[in-house]
Amino acid sequence: MKTIEKVASPPSGVPARSAEGGPAAEGTTESSQRFASWRLPLLTGLALAIVTAVPYVYAYAVQPHGQVFMGFFYLGDDANTYLAKMRQGWEGAWSWQNRYTTEASPSAYLFMFWIVLGHIAAVTSLPLIVVFHLARIAAAFALMAAAWLFICHFIQDRTARRFAFFFCAVGLGMGYVIQALGHPVIFGNQTDTLDWRMPELTAFYSVLALPHFAWSGVFAALGVALTLKAIDRGSMWLGLLAGLAWLGQASIHPQMPILMAGATGVALLLRPARPRGWVAAALAFAIPAPYILYSYLAFVGNPEVERWTFHSKNALPPESFSLFFAIAPQLLLALTGLPGALRRRTREDLFLVAWIVLLAAILYLPNPAGDLRRRFLDALYLPLVVLAARGMYEAILPRLRSLRARRLIPFSYVAFAAIGSAFLVLAPLAVAGQPQYSVSTAEYNGLTWLGSQPAGRVLAMPGVGLYVPAYSPDTVYVGHYDETFDYANKTEVALSLLTGQADIEQFIQANDIRYVIWTADLQTPPPSSLGPPTYDSPNFKIWKVF
């Protein structure tokens, strides 16, 4: 039996009610009723788009003279690598090469989400950073709409739906507890404020920081709702739409549809569907299967991609104590909804439970996922907020006699969970003018000049090297802690070369370096053996060797 009941026609003489439960005005058209049912997610998406834009707009407005805000507050290192991937699409490529390391890097059809955004930038003639933030803004609307569809599929009561929706939209974790304790070492592991560092754990932070996490949530919500509806109705058309949603998610994290297929399989085995339902489910997951297989073969069959994968320091599962506090408001309340799901054991209930159990197994048990385990956390907030809403409205509130308490507690819980979200928006306002978020005008103009030159290899310190592939077609010797192989050693080599402690001319010839970048923070004179720089400013210089 499904968890959503079809709304029956009202008895004669009873006014029709809108999808949100209020009386429908006389003469209200079907289209206006449909719009009214989506007013909440659309308006919330608008509010989310505006609120999450505030730190960025403020930063652009308050930059001191001679400084240029580079567009990022959150996880700026990673964000610039995404701009670099977008640039490859902007240049016309449909495959990715690692430009943050000078080792051979055969192209692979990975990171397709970012490659497509680059093509959009090329077609629209918009700067890459603008398209990045437009993707973020669009995700605010799309994620709220998809989350509403997901929540409505699993929850019947409209008040519980609204609670789950707002909890999803603005809820964050309790990482500030870890911060207040000074990041203690627990059982030999250094704790971390994961809900401030891992946007994929919450919808709000995904929209605020990195759009691919938000869009992964969009595709997950759509894929789940459409797949379960296709199974229930035996609809090949819904199965096709679900498959396209899973393909969209695979373009971001190819492994995620595997987890979703596993949860769907468990639900079907324990609550079998009609034959057409099985076929619809098979169709939904068959559509992304070829790309998932290609991605797997690229990871295990391409030595350079495999080296990049296992080099990533973020690939391992997060430390458990930190993860608990990062999702504590969602997880603790979801536990109160778990008994009801296990008691009912509908296909939808079993799917939610299977999603969480399989994710836990992937994270903490030995399995073929290996170093990709952390990348299965996308959209975890979706099953948690559904179970949390059920726990709140089925297990907690019915025990309370006070009507005032039953009204106040859900609001208070959402407000409590939003503390971290408010901090993430407000904190950047206090540091927007600080130099770590900007570069000098001379440096920005130098990067722009570099982007107009022929492609080549660049020797620079990693602080500058991080920006080079995002603003030019060049490959850097060292630039990003994850994507540059042997990052620490190469940083030391670059420092010794640019400060005159090693033979830079010999290194240039041996490594086919075309451009050398010197910045004043090296606190030593520029390498005299290179002659006059091609791009010259007092604190930022570029030599074009050939």
Protein backbone atom coordinates (compact mmCIF):
# COMPACT_ATOMS: atom_id res chain seq x y z
CA MET A 1 0.00 0.00 0.00
CA LYS A 2 1.34 3.43 -0.89
CA THR A 3 1.92 6.14 1.67
CA ILE A 4 0.08 8.74 -0.43
CA GLU A 5 -3.65 8.56 -0.69
CA LYS A 6 -5.46 9.88 -3.74
CA VAL A 7 -7.66 12.84 -2.88
CA ALA A 8 -11.27 11.84 -3.33
CA SER A 9 -13.87 14.19 -4.76
CA PRO A 10 -15.62 16.09 -1.97
CA PRO A 11 -19.23 15.22 -1.12
CA SER A 12 -21.95 17.33 -2.62
CA GLY A 13 -22.23 20.68 -0.92
CA VAL A 14 -18.66 20.61 0.49
CA PRO A 15 -16.38 23.24 -1.08
CA ALA A 16 -13.41 21.91 -3.00
CA ARG A 17 -10.05 22.31 -1.30
CA SER A 18 -6.77 23.36 -2.83
CA ALA A 19 -3.69 21.12 -2.74
CA GLU A 20 -2.55 22.99 0.36
CA GLY A 21 -5.80 22.29 2.13
CA GLY A 22 -7.55 25.68 1.90
CA PRO A 23 -10.97 26.22 0.29
CA ALA A 24 -10.65 26.79 -3.42
CA ALA A 25 -12.27 29.98 -4.70
CA GLU A 26 -15.41 29.56 -6.77
CA GLY A 27 -14.49 29.34 -10.42
CA THR A 28 -10.86 28.51 -9.69
CA THR A 29 -9.35 26.82 -12.72
CA GLU A 30 -7.43 23.58 -12.59
CA SER A 31 -4.25 25.37 -13.69
CA SER A 32 -4.52 27.93 -10.90
CA GLN A 33 -5.00 25.13 -8.37
CA ARG A 34 -1.94 23.42 -9.75
CA PHE A 35 0.04 26.65 -9.43
CA ALA A 36 -1.19 27.13 -5.87
CA SER A 37 0.12 23.68 -4.95
CA TRP A 38 3.60 24.69 -6.16
CA ARG A 39 3.58 28.20 -4.75
CA LEU A 40 5.36 27.15 -1.55
CA PRO A 41 8.40 25.51 -3.19
CA LEU A 42 8.71 28.24 -5.83
CA LEU A 43 8.57 31.09 -3.31
CA THR A 44 10.95 29.25 -1.02
CA GLY A 45 13.31 28.72 -3.92
CA LEU A 46 13.17 32.45 -4.62
CA ALA A 47 13.91 33.26 -0.99
CA LEU A 48 16.76 30.76 -0.95
CA ALA A 49 18.22 32.20 -4.16
CA ILE A 50 18.17 35.71 -2.71
CA VAL A 51 19.54 34.80 0.71
CA THR A 52 22.39 32.69 -0.65
CA ALA A 53 23.35 35.48 -3.06
CA VAL A 54 23.80 38.02 -0.26
CA PRO A 55 27.41 37.13 0.73
CA TYR A 56 28.61 37.20 -2.88
CA VAL A 57 26.88 40.46 -3.85
CA TYR A 58 28.16 42.09 -0.67
CA ALA A 59 31.72 40.95 -1.34
CA TYR A 60 31.71 42.36 -4.86
CA ALA A 61 30.40 45.65 -3.50
CA VAL A 62 32.89 46.16 -0.65
CA GLN A 63 36.20 45.19 -2.24
CA PRO A 64 38.88 47.80 -1.53
CA HIS A 65 40.41 49.72 -4.43
CA GLY A 66 42.86 47.60 -6.39
CA GLN A 67 41.34 44.26 -5.31
CA VAL A 68 39.05 41.88 -7.25
CA PHE A 69 36.75 39.42 -5.46
CA MET A 70 37.23 36.02 -7.09
CA GLY A 71 33.69 34.80 -6.53
CA PHE A 72 34.01 32.24 -3.73
CA PHE A 73 33.84 32.05 0.05
CA TYR A 74 33.15 28.37 0.57
CA LEU A 75 35.60 25.67 -0.50
CA GLY A 76 37.26 28.09 -2.89
CA ASP A 77 40.07 25.67 -3.74
CA ASP A 78 37.63 23.11 -5.10
CA ALA A 79 35.41 25.75 -6.68
CA ASN A 80 38.26 27.02 -8.84
CA THR A 81 38.93 23.50 -10.10
CA TYR A 82 35.30 23.38 -11.19
CA LEU A 83 35.80 26.63 -13.10
CA ALA A 84 38.79 24.95 -14.75
CA LYS A 85 36.56 22.05 -15.81
CA MET A 86 33.95 24.49 -17.08
CA ARG A 87 36.64 26.26 -19.08
CA GLN A 88 37.40 23.06 -20.95
CA GLY A 89 33.74 22.92 -22.00
CA TRP A 90 33.88 26.61 -22.89
CA GLU A 91 36.84 25.83 -25.17
CA GLY A 92 34.69 23.23 -26.96
CA ALA A 93 35.84 20.00 -25.31
CA TRP A 94 33.42 17.29 -24.19
CA SER A 95 36.02 15.41 -22.18
CA TRP A 96 38.15 16.31 -19.16
CA GLN A 97 41.89 16.51 -18.70
CA ASN A 98 43.60 17.25 -15.40
CA ARG A 99 45.30 20.64 -15.88
CA TYR A 100 46.46 20.85 -12.28
CA THR A 101 49.38 18.52 -12.83
CA THR A 102 52.00 18.18 -15.57
CA GLU A 103 51.95 14.38 -15.63
CA ALA A 104 50.31 12.85 -18.69
CA SER A 105 46.53 12.96 -18.31
CA PRO A 106 44.51 11.29 -21.09
CA SER A 107 41.08 12.80 -21.53
CA ALA A 108 38.02 11.10 -20.03
CA TYR A 109 34.29 11.78 -20.25
CA LEU A 110 33.98 12.65 -16.57
CA PHE A 111 32.73 15.76 -14.74
CA MET A 112 30.13 16.15 -17.46
CA PHE A 113 28.00 18.49 -15.33
CA TRP A 114 30.78 21.06 -15.32
CA ILE A 115 31.69 20.48 -18.95
CA VAL A 116 28.08 21.18 -19.96
CA LEU A 117 28.03 24.37 -17.89
CA GLY A 118 31.13 25.46 -19.80
CA HIS A 119 29.33 24.92 -23.09
CA ILE A 120 26.40 26.97 -21.77
CA ALA A 121 28.83 29.77 -20.96
CA ALA A 122 30.20 29.61 -24.50
CA VAL A 123 26.75 29.70 -26.09
CA THR A 124 25.51 32.56 -23.90
CA SER A 125 28.83 34.47 -23.97
CA LEU A 126 28.67 34.78 -20.19
CA PRO A 127 31.75 34.62 -17.94
CA LEU A 128 32.33 31.25 -16.32
CA ILE A 129 31.92 32.66 -12.82
CA VAL A 130 28.52 34.11 -13.79
CA VAL A 131 27.32 30.76 -15.15
CA PHE A 132 28.59 29.06 -11.98
CA HIS A 133 26.44 31.30 -9.79
CA LEU A 134 23.48 31.15 -12.18
CA ALA A 135 23.63 27.35 -11.83
CA ARG A 136 23.54 27.88 -8.07
CA ILE A 137 20.52 30.19 -8.29
CA ALA A 138 18.67 27.85 -10.66
CA ALA A 139 19.39 25.00 -8.25
CA ALA A 140 17.59 26.87 -5.47
CA PHE A 141 14.34 26.72 -7.44
CA ALA A 142 14.90 23.24 -8.83
CA LEU A 143 15.90 21.69 -5.51
CA MET A 144 12.95 23.15 -3.64
CA ALA A 145 10.54 21.94 -6.32
CA ALA A 146 12.09 18.47 -6.48
CA ALA A 147 12.25 18.19 -2.68
CA TRP A 148 8.56 19.14 -2.49
CA LEU A 149 7.68 16.42 -5.01
CA PHE A 150 9.76 13.91 -3.03
CA ILE A 151 8.23 14.89 0.31
CA CYS A 152 4.68 14.82 -1.03
CA HIS A 153 5.26 11.31 -2.33
CA PHE A 154 6.17 10.02 1.12
CA ILE A 155 4.03 12.13 3.48
CA GLN A 156 0.24 12.46 3.45
CA ASP A 157 -0.37 15.09 6.13
CA ARG A 158 0.05 18.60 4.71
CA THR A 159 1.33 20.06 8.00
CA ALA A 160 3.97 17.34 8.25
CA ARG A 161 4.84 18.00 4.61
CA ARG A 162 5.49 21.66 5.34
CA PHE A 163 7.61 20.81 8.36
CA ALA A 164 9.71 18.38 6.32
CA PHE A 165 10.04 20.92 3.52
CA PHE A 166 11.25 23.81 5.65
CA PHE A 167 13.49 21.46 7.66
CA CYS A 168 15.02 20.38 4.35
CA ALA A 169 15.31 23.92 3.01
CA VAL A 170 17.09 25.64 5.91
CA GLY A 171 18.29 22.93 8.29
CA LEU A 172 21.98 22.43 8.99
CA GLY A 173 23.87 20.38 11.55
CA MET A 174 25.55 21.10 14.86
CA GLY A 175 29.12 21.38 13.73
CA TYR A 176 29.43 24.48 15.87
CA VAL A 177 29.64 22.12 18.87
CA ILE A 178 32.84 20.64 17.41
CA GLN A 179 34.07 24.17 16.76
CA ALA A 180 33.31 25.25 20.33
CA LEU A 181 35.17 22.23 21.72
CA GLY A 182 38.26 23.15 19.70
CA HIS A 183 38.13 20.19 17.28
CA PRO A 184 39.03 17.56 19.90
CA VAL A 185 40.70 14.26 19.05
CA ILE A 186 38.18 11.43 19.65
CA PHE A 187 39.40 7.83 19.64
CA GLY A 188 42.55 8.94 17.87
CA ASN A 189 40.71 10.87 15.12
CA GLN A 190 40.73 14.64 14.66
CA THR A 191 37.15 15.91 14.59
CA ASP A 192 35.90 18.44 12.09
CA THR A 193 32.90 20.71 11.47
CA LEU A 194 31.69 18.62 8.56
CA ASP A 195 28.43 20.46 8.02
CA TRP A 196 30.54 23.57 7.31
CA ARG A 197 32.88 21.65 4.99
CA MET A 198 30.63 19.15 3.18
CA PRO A 199 27.81 20.93 1.33
CA GLU A 200 26.29 17.64 0.19
CA LEU A 201 25.02 16.98 3.74
CA THR A 202 22.34 19.69 3.56
CA ALA A 203 20.23 21.33 0.90
CA PHE A 204 20.92 24.87 2.12
CA TYR A 205 24.70 24.58 2.03
CA SER A 206 24.58 22.83 -1.35
CA VAL A 207 22.77 25.81 -2.86
CA LEU A 208 24.98 28.30 -1.02
CA ALA A 209 28.31 26.82 -2.04
CA LEU A 210 28.57 24.34 -4.92
CA PRO A 211 25.75 23.84 -7.43
CA HIS A 212 26.62 20.29 -8.44
CA PHE A 213 25.68 19.02 -4.97
CA ALA A 214 22.35 20.85 -5.19
CA TRP A 215 21.65 19.48 -8.66
CA SER A 216 22.58 15.99 -7.49
CA GLY A 217 19.86 16.44 -4.87
CA VAL A 218 17.45 17.60 -7.57
CA PHE A 219 18.09 14.52 -9.68
CA ALA A 220 17.89 12.22 -6.66
CA ALA A 221 14.53 13.63 -5.54
CA LEU A 222 13.09 13.46 -9.05
CA GLY A 223 14.55 10.03 -9.71
CA VAL A 224 13.16 8.50 -6.53
CA ALA A 225 9.66 9.97 -6.86
CA LEU A 226 9.38 9.12 -10.55
CA THR A 227 10.81 5.61 -10.15
CA LEU A 228 8.46 4.68 -7.30
CA LYS A 229 5.48 6.13 -9.18
CA ALA A 230 6.53 4.23 -12.32
CA ILE A 231 6.72 0.99 -10.33
CA ASP A 232 3.33 1.55 -8.72
CA ARG A 233 1.60 2.43 -12.01
CA GLY A 234 3.64 0.18 -14.30
CA SER A 235 4.35 3.26 -16.44
CA MET A 236 7.13 3.08 -18.99
CA TRP A 237 6.83 6.82 -19.59
CA LEU A 238 7.53 7.59 -15.92
CA GLY A 239 10.31 5.01 -16.00
CA LEU A 240 11.87 6.88 -18.92
CA LEU A 241 11.67 10.21 -17.08
CA ALA A 242 13.16 8.60 -13.99
CA GLY A 243 16.00 7.21 -16.09
CA LEU A 244 16.80 10.68 -17.41
CA ALA A 245 16.91 11.94 -13.82
CA TRP A 246 19.33 9.16 -12.86
CA LEU A 247 21.43 9.98 -15.92
CA GLY A 248 21.58 13.58 -14.72
CA GLN A 249 22.77 12.43 -11.33
CA ALA A 250 25.32 10.12 -12.94
CA SER A 251 26.76 13.13 -14.79
CA ILE A 252 27.71 14.50 -11.36
CA HIS A 253 28.50 11.42 -9.27
CA PRO A 254 28.18 8.27 -11.40
CA GLN A 255 28.12 5.95 -8.40
CA MET A 256 24.98 7.46 -6.79
CA PRO A 257 22.40 5.70 -9.03
CA ILE A 258 23.94 2.40 -7.90
CA LEU A 259 22.92 3.15 -4.31
CA MET A 260 19.47 4.25 -5.47
CA ALA A 261 19.06 1.08 -7.54
CA GLY A 262 20.06 -1.00 -4.53
CA ALA A 263 17.47 0.66 -2.30
CA THR A 264 14.83 0.26 -5.01
CA GLY A 265 15.74 -3.41 -5.41
CA VAL A 266 15.37 -4.05 -1.68
CA ALA A 267 11.97 -2.35 -1.66
CA LEU A 268 10.81 -4.39 -4.66
CA LEU A 269 12.03 -7.69 -3.26
CA LEU A 270 10.21 -7.14 0.02
CA ARG A 271 7.13 -5.54 -1.56
CA PRO A 272 6.93 -6.96 -5.10
CA ALA A 273 5.21 -5.04 -7.87
CA ARG A 274 3.33 -6.14 -10.96
CA PRO A 275 5.54 -7.29 -13.87
CA ARG A 276 5.18 -3.90 -15.59
CA GLY A 277 6.39 -2.25 -12.40
CA TRP A 278 9.55 -4.34 -12.45
CA VAL A 279 10.09 -3.45 -16.12
CA ALA A 280 9.58 0.25 -15.39
CA ALA A 281 12.18 0.10 -12.61
CA ALA A 282 14.59 -1.77 -14.87
CA LEU A 283 14.13 0.87 -17.57
CA ALA A 284 14.80 3.69 -15.10
CA PHE A 285 18.18 2.30 -14.09
CA ALA A 286 19.10 0.89 -17.50
CA ILE A 287 19.28 4.40 -18.98
CA PRO A 288 22.24 5.62 -16.87
CA ALA A 289 23.89 2.17 -16.78
CA PRO A 290 26.14 2.61 -19.87
CA TYR A 291 27.61 5.86 -18.55
CA ILE A 292 28.06 4.37 -15.07
CA LEU A 293 29.91 1.44 -16.63
CA TYR A 294 32.06 3.81 -18.68
CA SER A 295 32.90 5.82 -15.56
CA TYR A 296 33.91 2.66 -13.71
CA LEU A 297 36.15 1.55 -16.57
CA ALA A 298 37.65 5.04 -16.73
CA PHE A 299 38.46 4.91 -13.03
CA VAL A 300 40.02 1.45 -13.12
CA GLY A 301 41.32 1.35 -16.69
CA ASN A 302 42.84 4.81 -17.11
CA PRO A 303 45.98 5.00 -14.93
CA GLU A 304 45.92 8.79 -14.71
CA VAL A 305 42.25 8.94 -13.69
CA GLU A 306 42.82 6.13 -11.20
CA ARG A 307 45.78 8.00 -9.74
CA TRP A 308 43.65 11.14 -9.43
CA THR A 309 40.89 9.15 -7.71
CA PHE A 310 43.08 7.54 -5.08
CA HIS A 311 45.08 10.72 -4.56
CA SER A 312 42.02 12.59 -3.28
CA LYS A 313 42.17 13.23 0.44
CA ASN A 314 38.39 13.68 0.54
CA ALA A 315 37.58 10.24 -0.85
CA LEU A 316 37.53 8.38 2.48
CA PRO A 317 34.38 8.26 4.65
CA PRO A 318 34.15 11.09 7.18
CA GLU A 319 35.09 10.64 10.81
CA SER A 320 32.03 9.22 12.60
CA PHE A 321 31.87 11.56 15.60
CA SER A 322 32.07 14.58 13.32
CA LEU A 323 29.48 13.14 10.94
CA PHE A 324 27.06 12.58 13.81
CA PHE A 325 27.16 16.23 14.86
CA ALA A 326 27.00 17.34 11.21
CA ILE A 327 23.61 15.64 10.76
CA ALA A 328 22.47 15.43 14.40
CA PRO A 329 19.22 17.47 14.12
CA GLN A 330 18.09 15.42 11.12
CA LEU A 331 19.33 12.03 12.33
CA LEU A 332 18.02 12.19 15.90
CA LEU A 333 14.53 13.19 14.84
CA ALA A 334 14.58 10.65 11.99
CA LEU A 335 15.19 7.90 14.54
CA THR A 336 11.80 8.67 16.07
CA GLY A 337 10.17 8.08 12.69
CA LEU A 338 12.01 4.83 12.01
CA PRO A 339 9.76 2.55 14.15
CA GLY A 340 6.67 3.67 12.23
CA ALA A 341 8.37 2.94 8.91
CA LEU A 342 9.41 -0.51 10.10
CA ARG A 343 5.91 -1.17 11.40
CA ARG A 344 4.14 -0.18 8.15
CA ARG A 345 6.76 -1.63 5.80
CA THR A 346 5.24 -0.15 2.64
CA ARG A 347 7.41 -0.07 -0.46
CA GLU A 348 8.17 3.61 0.21
CA ASP A 349 9.06 2.92 3.85
CA LEU A 350 11.35 0.09 2.87
CA PHE A 351 13.03 2.26 0.25
CA LEU A 352 13.87 4.97 2.80
CA VAL A 353 15.22 2.49 5.31
CA ALA A 354 17.20 0.64 2.65
CA TRP A 355 18.74 3.92 1.43
CA ILE A 356 20.09 4.72 4.89
CA VAL A 357 21.18 1.17 5.74
CA LEU A 358 22.96 0.64 2.41
CA LEU A 359 24.67 4.02 2.74
CA ALA A 360 25.93 3.08 6.21
CA ALA A 361 27.23 -0.22 4.84
CA ILE A 362 29.01 1.56 1.99
CA LEU A 363 30.60 4.06 4.36
CA TYR A 364 31.82 1.72 7.07
CA LEU A 365 32.01 -1.86 5.79
CA PRO A 366 34.67 -3.21 3.42
CA ASN A 367 33.21 -3.08 -0.06
CA PRO A 368 34.14 -2.44 -3.71
CA ALA A 369 33.35 1.28 -3.36
CA GLY A 370 36.76 1.74 -1.77
CA ASP A 371 37.94 5.33 -1.82
CA LEU A 372 34.71 6.57 -3.43
CA ARG A 373 32.66 5.95 -0.28
CA ARG A 374 32.23 9.56 0.81
CA ARG A 375 30.74 10.40 -2.59
CA PHE A 376 27.58 8.43 -1.77
CA LEU A 377 26.39 11.05 0.75
CA ASP A 378 24.56 13.23 -1.79
CA ALA A 379 20.95 14.08 -0.85
CA LEU A 380 21.10 12.17 2.45
CA TYR A 381 18.95 14.95 3.87
CA LEU A 382 15.96 13.76 1.79
CA PRO A 383 15.23 10.45 3.57
CA LEU A 384 16.21 11.97 6.91
CA VAL A 385 13.74 14.88 6.74
CA VAL A 386 10.90 12.56 5.67
CA LEU A 387 11.52 10.21 8.58
CA ALA A 388 12.02 13.21 10.87
CA ALA A 389 8.65 14.69 9.90
CA ARG A 390 6.95 11.37 10.46
CA GLY A 391 8.58 11.06 13.86
CA MET A 392 7.56 14.59 14.81
CA TYR A 393 3.92 14.22 13.74
CA GLU A 394 3.36 10.53 14.46
CA ALA A 395 5.43 9.88 17.58
CA ILE A 396 6.20 13.15 19.38
CA LEU A 397 3.38 15.67 18.92
CA PRO A 398 0.50 13.22 19.56
CA ARG A 399 1.90 12.70 23.06
CA LEU A 400 1.62 16.39 23.89
CA ARG A 401 -1.62 17.71 25.39
CA SER A 402 -0.86 21.37 24.91
CA LEU A 403 -2.02 22.73 21.54
CA ARG A 404 0.45 25.58 21.91
CA ALA A 405 3.33 23.13 22.37
CA ARG A 406 2.23 21.12 19.34
CA ARG A 407 2.40 24.30 17.28
CA LEU A 408 5.57 25.73 18.77
CA ILE A 409 7.82 22.66 18.84
CA PRO A 410 8.02 22.06 15.06
CA PHE A 411 8.76 25.74 14.41
CA SER A 412 11.35 25.82 17.19
CA TYR A 413 13.05 22.68 15.90
CA VAL A 414 13.41 24.09 12.39
CA ALA A 415 14.65 27.41 13.81
CA PHE A 416 17.20 25.56 15.94
CA ALA A 417 18.43 23.59 12.91
CA ALA A 418 18.75 26.83 10.92
CA ILE A 419 21.35 28.33 13.28
CA GLY A 420 24.21 26.89 11.25
CA SER A 421 22.69 28.09 7.99
CA ALA A 422 22.37 31.62 9.33
CA PHE A 423 26.00 31.52 10.41
CA LEU A 424 27.15 30.42 6.95
CA VAL A 425 25.38 33.38 5.36
CA LEU A 426 26.35 36.03 7.92
CA ALA A 427 29.96 35.05 8.69
CA PRO A 428 31.34 36.00 5.24
CA LEU A 429 29.98 39.52 5.61
CA ALA A 430 32.55 40.16 8.34
CA VAL A 431 35.50 38.99 6.24
CA ALA A 432 34.39 39.90 2.71
CA GLY A 433 37.17 42.45 2.26
CA GLN A 434 40.00 40.20 3.45
CA PRO A 435 42.72 39.32 0.93
CA GLN A 436 42.22 35.53 0.96
CA TYR A 437 39.02 36.01 -1.05
CA SER A 438 40.45 38.39 -3.63
CA VAL A 439 43.48 39.13 -5.78
CA SER A 440 45.05 42.39 -6.82
CA THR A 441 43.87 44.03 -10.01
CA ALA A 442 47.35 43.46 -11.46
CA GLU A 443 47.12 39.73 -10.74
CA TYR A 444 43.60 39.49 -12.15
CA ASN A 445 44.68 41.32 -15.30
CA GLY A 446 47.70 39.03 -15.54
CA LEU A 447 45.48 35.95 -15.40
CA THR A 448 43.27 37.49 -18.07
CA TRP A 449 46.32 38.18 -20.23
CA LEU A 450 47.47 34.60 -19.74
CA GLY A 451 44.08 33.40 -20.95
CA SER A 452 44.64 35.17 -24.26
CA GLN A 453 47.98 33.45 -24.91
CA PRO A 454 48.76 30.03 -26.43
CA ALA A 455 48.38 27.10 -24.05
CA GLY A 456 51.42 25.81 -22.22
CA ARG A 457 52.81 24.67 -18.91
CA VAL A 458 53.07 27.17 -16.07
CA LEU A 459 55.49 27.30 -13.16
CA ALA A 460 54.06 29.25 -10.22
CA MET A 461 53.40 28.86 -6.53
CA PRO A 462 50.14 27.00 -5.76
CA GLY A 463 48.37 30.14 -4.58
CA VAL A 464 48.51 31.47 -8.13
CA GLY A 465 48.51 28.05 -9.75
CA LEU A 466 45.03 27.41 -8.36
CA TYR A 467 43.64 30.16 -10.61
CA VAL A 468 45.64 29.49 -13.78
CA PRO A 469 43.58 26.59 -15.28
CA ALA A 470 40.36 28.41 -14.33
CA TYR A 471 41.34 31.53 -16.29
CA SER A 472 43.55 30.18 -19.07
CA PRO A 473 44.03 27.05 -21.22
CA ASP A 474 47.30 26.28 -19.41
CA THR A 475 48.46 23.39 -17.24
CA VAL A 476 50.21 24.18 -13.96
CA TYR A 477 53.12 22.39 -12.35
CA VAL A 478 51.49 22.78 -8.93
CA GLY A 479 48.11 24.29 -8.12
CA HIS A 480 45.64 22.20 -6.07
CA TYR A 481 46.20 20.00 -3.03
CA ASP A 482 44.12 17.13 -4.47
CA GLU A 483 44.48 17.38 -8.24
CA THR A 484 48.24 18.05 -8.32
CA PHE A 485 50.11 14.79 -7.91
CA ASP A 486 52.83 14.95 -5.23
CA TYR A 487 51.53 18.38 -4.21
CA ALA A 488 53.70 18.92 -1.12
CA ASN A 489 56.97 18.02 -2.83
CA LYS A 490 56.15 20.07 -5.94
CA THR A 491 55.34 23.08 -3.78
CA GLU A 492 58.81 22.91 -2.24
CA VAL A 493 60.40 22.53 -5.67
CA ALA A 494 58.50 25.54 -7.03
CA LEU A 495 59.52 27.63 -4.02
CA SER A 496 63.20 26.79 -4.42
CA LEU A 497 63.08 27.58 -8.16
CA LEU A 498 61.27 30.90 -7.83
CA THR A 499 63.46 32.10 -4.97
CA GLY A 500 66.74 31.35 -6.73
CA GLN A 501 67.71 28.32 -4.66
CA ALA A 502 67.63 25.97 -7.67
CA ASP A 503 68.45 26.24 -11.38
CA ILE A 504 65.24 27.50 -12.93
CA GLU A 505 66.53 27.50 -16.52
CA GLN A 506 67.42 23.82 -16.38
CA PHE A 507 64.03 23.03 -14.85
CA ILE A 508 62.21 24.99 -17.59
CA GLN A 509 63.96 23.01 -20.33
CA ALA A 510 63.49 19.66 -18.62
CA ASN A 511 59.78 20.22 -17.94
CA ASP A 512 58.78 22.13 -21.08
CA ILE A 513 57.64 25.19 -19.11
CA ARG A 514 56.24 28.01 -21.27
CA TYR A 515 55.25 30.53 -18.57
CA VAL A 516 56.77 31.48 -15.23
CA ILE A 517 54.84 33.55 -12.69
CA TRP A 518 56.49 35.51 -9.86
CA THR A 519 54.58 37.24 -7.05
CA ALA A 520 55.83 39.69 -4.45
CA ASP A 521 54.85 37.46 -1.53
CA LEU A 522 57.91 35.31 -2.35
CA GLN A 523 59.86 38.17 -0.72
CA THR A 524 62.82 37.67 -3.05
CA PRO A 525 63.75 39.44 -6.29
CA PRO A 526 62.41 37.92 -9.53
CA PRO A 527 64.68 35.36 -11.27
CA SER A 528 67.24 37.54 -13.10
CA SER A 529 68.18 34.79 -15.56
CA LEU A 530 64.77 35.05 -17.27
CA GLY A 531 65.28 38.62 -18.44
CA PRO A 532 62.47 41.18 -18.57
CA PRO A 533 58.93 39.81 -17.95
CA THR A 534 56.37 39.74 -20.72
CA TYR A 535 53.60 40.85 -18.39
CA ASP A 536 55.02 43.30 -15.87
CA SER A 537 53.62 44.88 -12.73
CA PRO A 538 55.39 45.64 -9.44
CA ASN A 539 53.98 42.66 -7.54
CA PHE A 540 52.96 40.21 -10.27
CA LYS A 541 55.10 39.25 -13.26
CA ILE A 542 54.80 36.65 -16.03
CA TRP A 543 57.59 35.46 -18.31
CA LYS A 544 56.71 33.87 -21.64
CA VAL A 545 59.66 31.58 -22.29
CA PHE A 546 58.69 30.55 -25.83
